[in-house]
Amino acid sequence: MNSDRFREWRRSLGLKQKDAADKLGLKKRVIQYYEKGDRDGKRVEIPKTVELACLALSLGVETYDGRAIPRSYAEWAEAGAAKNLA
């Protein structure tokens, strides 16, 4: 994820920089660095953990309790999650 994509992600969710910082557990200034792409003339890379957190938030996941997530519909159905879809 580059700085432009990060900014697009934030805006697509209608988040202000402070809101994005709060949801990602970061400081607003870090969000500003990510969107600018550098800090004091040095390139800033967005960590993989932040990219994955952005994905989770895009999917509506704000917390995770560590349980295994089904990898297929069959596993999902076996876990009883698909009862009402049949």
N, C-alpha and C. Protein backbone atom coordinates (compact mmCIF):
# COMPACT_ATOMS: atom_id res chain seq x y z
N MET A 1 0.86 -1.17 0.00
CA MET A 1 0.00 0.00 0.00
C MET A 1 0.90 1.23 0.00
N ASN A 2 0.65 2.13 -0.93
CA ASN A 2 1.43 3.36 -0.97
C ASN A 2 0.63 4.50 -0.32
N SER A 3 1.23 5.66 -0.24
CA SER A 3 0.60 6.78 0.47
C SER A 3 -0.72 7.22 -0.19
N ASP A 4 -0.76 7.21 -1.51
CA ASP A 4 -2.01 7.60 -2.19
C ASP A 4 -3.13 6.60 -1.91
N ARG A 5 -2.81 5.32 -1.96
CA ARG A 5 -3.82 4.29 -1.68
C ARG A 5 -4.29 4.37 -0.23
N PHE A 6 -3.36 4.66 0.67
CA PHE A 6 -3.73 4.79 2.08
C PHE A 6 -4.73 5.92 2.26
N ARG A 7 -4.45 7.06 1.64
CA ARG A 7 -5.36 8.21 1.72
C ARG A 7 -6.72 7.85 1.11
N GLU A 8 -6.70 7.17 -0.04
CA GLU A 8 -7.95 6.74 -0.68
C GLU A 8 -8.74 5.82 0.25
N TRP A 9 -8.02 4.89 0.92
CA TRP A 9 -8.68 3.97 1.85
C TRP A 9 -9.40 4.76 2.95
N ARG A 10 -8.67 5.70 3.56
CA ARG A 10 -9.24 6.49 4.66
C ARG A 10 -10.47 7.26 4.18
N ARG A 11 -10.35 7.92 3.07
CA ARG A 11 -11.46 8.72 2.54
C ARG A 11 -12.64 7.85 2.13
N SER A 12 -12.36 6.67 1.60
CA SER A 12 -13.45 5.78 1.17
C SER A 12 -14.32 5.34 2.35
N LEU A 13 -13.73 5.32 3.54
CA LEU A 13 -14.50 4.98 4.74
C LEU A 13 -15.07 6.22 5.43
N GLY A 14 -14.80 7.39 4.84
CA GLY A 14 -15.32 8.64 5.40
C GLY A 14 -14.66 9.01 6.72
N LEU A 15 -13.40 8.60 6.90
CA LEU A 15 -12.69 8.87 8.15
C LEU A 15 -11.82 10.11 8.04
N LYS A 16 -11.81 10.89 9.09
CA LYS A 16 -10.83 11.97 9.21
C LYS A 16 -9.53 11.33 9.67
N GLN A 17 -8.43 12.05 9.54
CA GLN A 17 -7.14 11.48 9.95
C GLN A 17 -7.16 11.03 11.40
N LYS A 18 -7.77 11.81 12.26
CA LYS A 18 -7.85 11.45 13.69
C LYS A 18 -8.66 10.18 13.89
N ASP A 19 -9.77 10.04 13.14
CA ASP A 19 -10.60 8.83 13.25
C ASP A 19 -9.82 7.59 12.81
N ALA A 20 -9.11 7.71 11.69
CA ALA A 20 -8.30 6.60 11.20
C ALA A 20 -7.23 6.22 12.21
N ALA A 21 -6.61 7.24 12.80
CA ALA A 21 -5.58 7.00 13.82
C ALA A 21 -6.17 6.23 15.00
N ASP A 22 -7.33 6.65 15.46
CA ASP A 22 -7.97 5.98 16.59
C ASP A 22 -8.30 4.53 16.27
N LYS A 23 -8.87 4.29 15.09
CA LYS A 23 -9.25 2.93 14.71
C LYS A 23 -8.04 2.02 14.51
N LEU A 24 -6.92 2.60 14.06
CA LEU A 24 -5.71 1.80 13.82
C LEU A 24 -4.78 1.76 15.04
N GLY A 25 -5.13 2.50 16.09
CA GLY A 25 -4.29 2.52 17.28
C GLY A 25 -2.99 3.28 17.08
N LEU A 26 -3.06 4.32 16.25
CA LEU A 26 -1.88 5.13 15.93
C LEU A 26 -2.12 6.58 16.31
N LYS A 27 -1.09 7.37 16.23
CA LYS A 27 -1.22 8.81 16.44
C LYS A 27 -1.57 9.47 15.11
N LYS A 28 -2.29 10.58 15.18
CA LYS A 28 -2.68 11.29 13.97
C LYS A 28 -1.45 11.66 13.13
N ARG A 29 -0.35 12.00 13.77
CA ARG A 29 0.86 12.39 13.05
C ARG A 29 1.37 11.24 12.19
N VAL A 30 1.24 10.01 12.66
CA VAL A 30 1.68 8.84 11.88
C VAL A 30 0.82 8.71 10.62
N ILE A 31 -0.46 8.95 10.76
CA ILE A 31 -1.36 8.92 9.60
C ILE A 31 -0.90 9.97 8.59
N GLN A 32 -0.54 11.13 9.07
CA GLN A 32 -0.06 12.20 8.18
C GLN A 32 1.22 11.78 7.47
N TYR A 33 2.13 11.12 8.18
CA TYR A 33 3.36 10.62 7.53
C TYR A 33 3.02 9.59 6.46
N TYR A 34 2.12 8.67 6.77
CA TYR A 34 1.74 7.64 5.80
C TYR A 34 1.15 8.27 4.55
N GLU A 35 0.32 9.29 4.73
CA GLU A 35 -0.32 9.93 3.58
C GLU A 35 0.65 10.79 2.78
N LYS A 36 1.60 11.38 3.45
CA LYS A 36 2.60 12.20 2.76
C LYS A 36 3.63 11.31 2.06
N GLY A 37 3.93 10.17 2.69
CA GLY A 37 4.90 9.24 2.11
C GLY A 37 6.32 9.45 2.58
N ASP A 38 6.53 10.49 3.38
CA ASP A 38 7.88 10.69 3.93
C ASP A 38 7.81 11.42 5.26
N ARG A 39 8.92 11.34 5.98
CA ARG A 39 9.08 12.03 7.25
C ARG A 39 10.48 12.62 7.26
N ASP A 40 10.56 13.92 7.35
CA ASP A 40 11.84 14.62 7.35
C ASP A 40 12.69 14.22 6.15
N GLY A 41 12.05 14.10 4.99
CA GLY A 41 12.77 13.77 3.76
C GLY A 41 13.09 12.30 3.57
N LYS A 42 12.74 11.46 4.54
CA LYS A 42 12.99 10.02 4.42
C LYS A 42 11.68 9.30 4.13
N ARG A 43 11.75 8.35 3.23
CA ARG A 43 10.57 7.59 2.82
C ARG A 43 9.97 6.83 4.02
N VAL A 44 8.65 6.88 4.12
CA VAL A 44 7.93 6.16 5.17
C VAL A 44 7.16 5.02 4.51
N GLU A 45 7.41 3.81 4.97
CA GLU A 45 6.67 2.65 4.46
C GLU A 45 5.54 2.32 5.43
N ILE A 46 4.43 1.93 4.86
CA ILE A 46 3.29 1.53 5.67
C ILE A 46 3.48 0.05 6.02
N PRO A 47 3.56 -0.27 7.30
CA PRO A 47 3.81 -1.66 7.70
C PRO A 47 2.69 -2.61 7.27
N LYS A 48 3.05 -3.85 7.03
CA LYS A 48 2.09 -4.89 6.64
C LYS A 48 0.95 -4.99 7.66
N THR A 49 1.28 -4.84 8.94
CA THR A 49 0.24 -4.92 9.98
C THR A 49 -0.81 -3.83 9.81
N VAL A 50 -0.38 -2.64 9.41
CA VAL A 50 -1.31 -1.54 9.18
C VAL A 50 -2.14 -1.82 7.93
N GLU A 51 -1.50 -2.34 6.88
CA GLU A 51 -2.24 -2.71 5.67
C GLU A 51 -3.35 -3.70 5.99
N LEU A 52 -3.01 -4.71 6.78
CA LEU A 52 -3.99 -5.74 7.13
C LEU A 52 -5.09 -5.19 8.03
N ALA A 53 -4.73 -4.27 8.91
CA ALA A 53 -5.74 -3.62 9.75
C ALA A 53 -6.69 -2.78 8.88
N CYS A 54 -6.15 -2.13 7.86
CA CYS A 54 -6.99 -1.36 6.93
C CYS A 54 -7.97 -2.29 6.23
N LEU A 55 -7.49 -3.46 5.80
CA LEU A 55 -8.36 -4.43 5.15
C LEU A 55 -9.47 -4.86 6.10
N ALA A 56 -9.10 -5.19 7.32
CA ALA A 56 -10.10 -5.62 8.30
C ALA A 56 -11.16 -4.54 8.51
N LEU A 57 -10.74 -3.31 8.67
CA LEU A 57 -11.69 -2.21 8.87
C LEU A 57 -12.58 -2.03 7.64
N SER A 58 -12.01 -2.22 6.46
CA SER A 58 -12.81 -2.12 5.23
C SER A 58 -13.89 -3.19 5.18
N LEU A 59 -13.60 -4.33 5.78
CA LEU A 59 -14.56 -5.45 5.81
C LEU A 59 -15.51 -5.36 7.00
N GLY A 60 -15.36 -4.32 7.82
CA GLY A 60 -16.24 -4.13 8.96
C GLY A 60 -15.78 -4.82 10.23
N VAL A 61 -14.55 -5.31 10.24
CA VAL A 61 -14.02 -6.00 11.41
C VAL A 61 -13.24 -4.99 12.24
N GLU A 62 -13.72 -4.73 13.46
CA GLU A 62 -13.03 -3.76 14.32
C GLU A 62 -12.33 -4.43 15.49
N THR A 63 -12.71 -5.66 15.80
CA THR A 63 -12.02 -6.41 16.85
C THR A 63 -11.87 -7.86 16.38
N TYR A 64 -10.92 -8.55 16.97
CA TYR A 64 -10.68 -9.95 16.61
C TYR A 64 -10.28 -10.70 17.87
N ASP A 65 -10.99 -11.79 18.15
CA ASP A 65 -10.74 -12.52 19.39
C ASP A 65 -9.76 -13.68 19.24
N GLY A 66 -9.19 -13.84 18.06
CA GLY A 66 -8.17 -14.87 17.86
C GLY A 66 -8.69 -16.22 17.41
N ARG A 67 -10.00 -16.37 17.31
CA ARG A 67 -10.55 -17.66 16.84
C ARG A 67 -10.20 -17.89 15.39
N ALA A 68 -10.07 -19.16 15.03
CA ALA A 68 -9.79 -19.51 13.64
C ALA A 68 -10.96 -19.08 12.76
N ILE A 69 -10.63 -18.60 11.58
CA ILE A 69 -11.64 -18.17 10.62
C ILE A 69 -11.75 -19.24 9.55
N PRO A 70 -12.98 -19.67 9.23
CA PRO A 70 -13.15 -20.69 8.19
C PRO A 70 -12.52 -20.24 6.88
N ARG A 71 -11.82 -21.15 6.21
CA ARG A 71 -11.14 -20.82 4.95
C ARG A 71 -11.99 -21.14 3.73
N SER A 72 -13.10 -21.84 3.93
CA SER A 72 -13.95 -22.18 2.80
C SER A 72 -15.41 -22.17 3.25
N TYR A 73 -16.31 -22.19 2.28
CA TYR A 73 -17.74 -22.26 2.61
C TYR A 73 -18.04 -23.55 3.36
N ALA A 74 -17.39 -24.64 2.97
CA ALA A 74 -17.62 -25.92 3.63
C ALA A 74 -17.27 -25.84 5.12
N GLU A 75 -16.12 -25.24 5.42
CA GLU A 75 -15.74 -25.09 6.84
C GLU A 75 -16.71 -24.18 7.57
N TRP A 76 -17.15 -23.15 6.87
CA TRP A 76 -18.10 -22.20 7.46
C TRP A 76 -19.40 -22.90 7.78
N ALA A 77 -19.91 -23.69 6.82
CA ALA A 77 -21.14 -24.43 7.01
C ALA A 77 -20.98 -25.46 8.13
N GLU A 78 -19.85 -26.12 8.16
CA GLU A 78 -19.58 -27.12 9.19
C GLU A 78 -19.59 -26.50 10.57
N ALA A 79 -19.16 -25.26 10.66
CA ALA A 79 -19.13 -24.56 11.94
C ALA A 79 -20.53 -24.07 12.35
N GLY A 80 -21.51 -24.26 11.45
CA GLY A 80 -22.88 -23.86 11.76
C GLY A 80 -23.21 -22.44 11.39
N ALA A 81 -22.28 -21.75 10.76
CA ALA A 81 -22.50 -20.34 10.42
C ALA A 81 -23.44 -20.16 9.23
N ALA A 82 -23.61 -21.19 8.43
CA ALA A 82 -24.38 -21.04 7.21
C ALA A 82 -25.80 -21.60 7.34
N LYS A 83 -26.28 -21.85 8.53
CA LYS A 83 -27.61 -22.44 8.75
C LYS A 83 -28.71 -21.73 7.99
N ASN A 84 -28.71 -20.42 8.04
CA ASN A 84 -29.81 -19.65 7.48
C ASN A 84 -29.65 -19.32 5.99
N LEU A 85 -28.57 -19.78 5.36
CA LEU A 85 -28.38 -19.47 3.95
C LEU A 85 -28.90 -20.56 3.02
N ALA A 86 -29.20 -21.72 3.54
CA ALA A 86 -29.62 -22.85 2.69
C ALA A 86 -31.03 -22.67 2.17
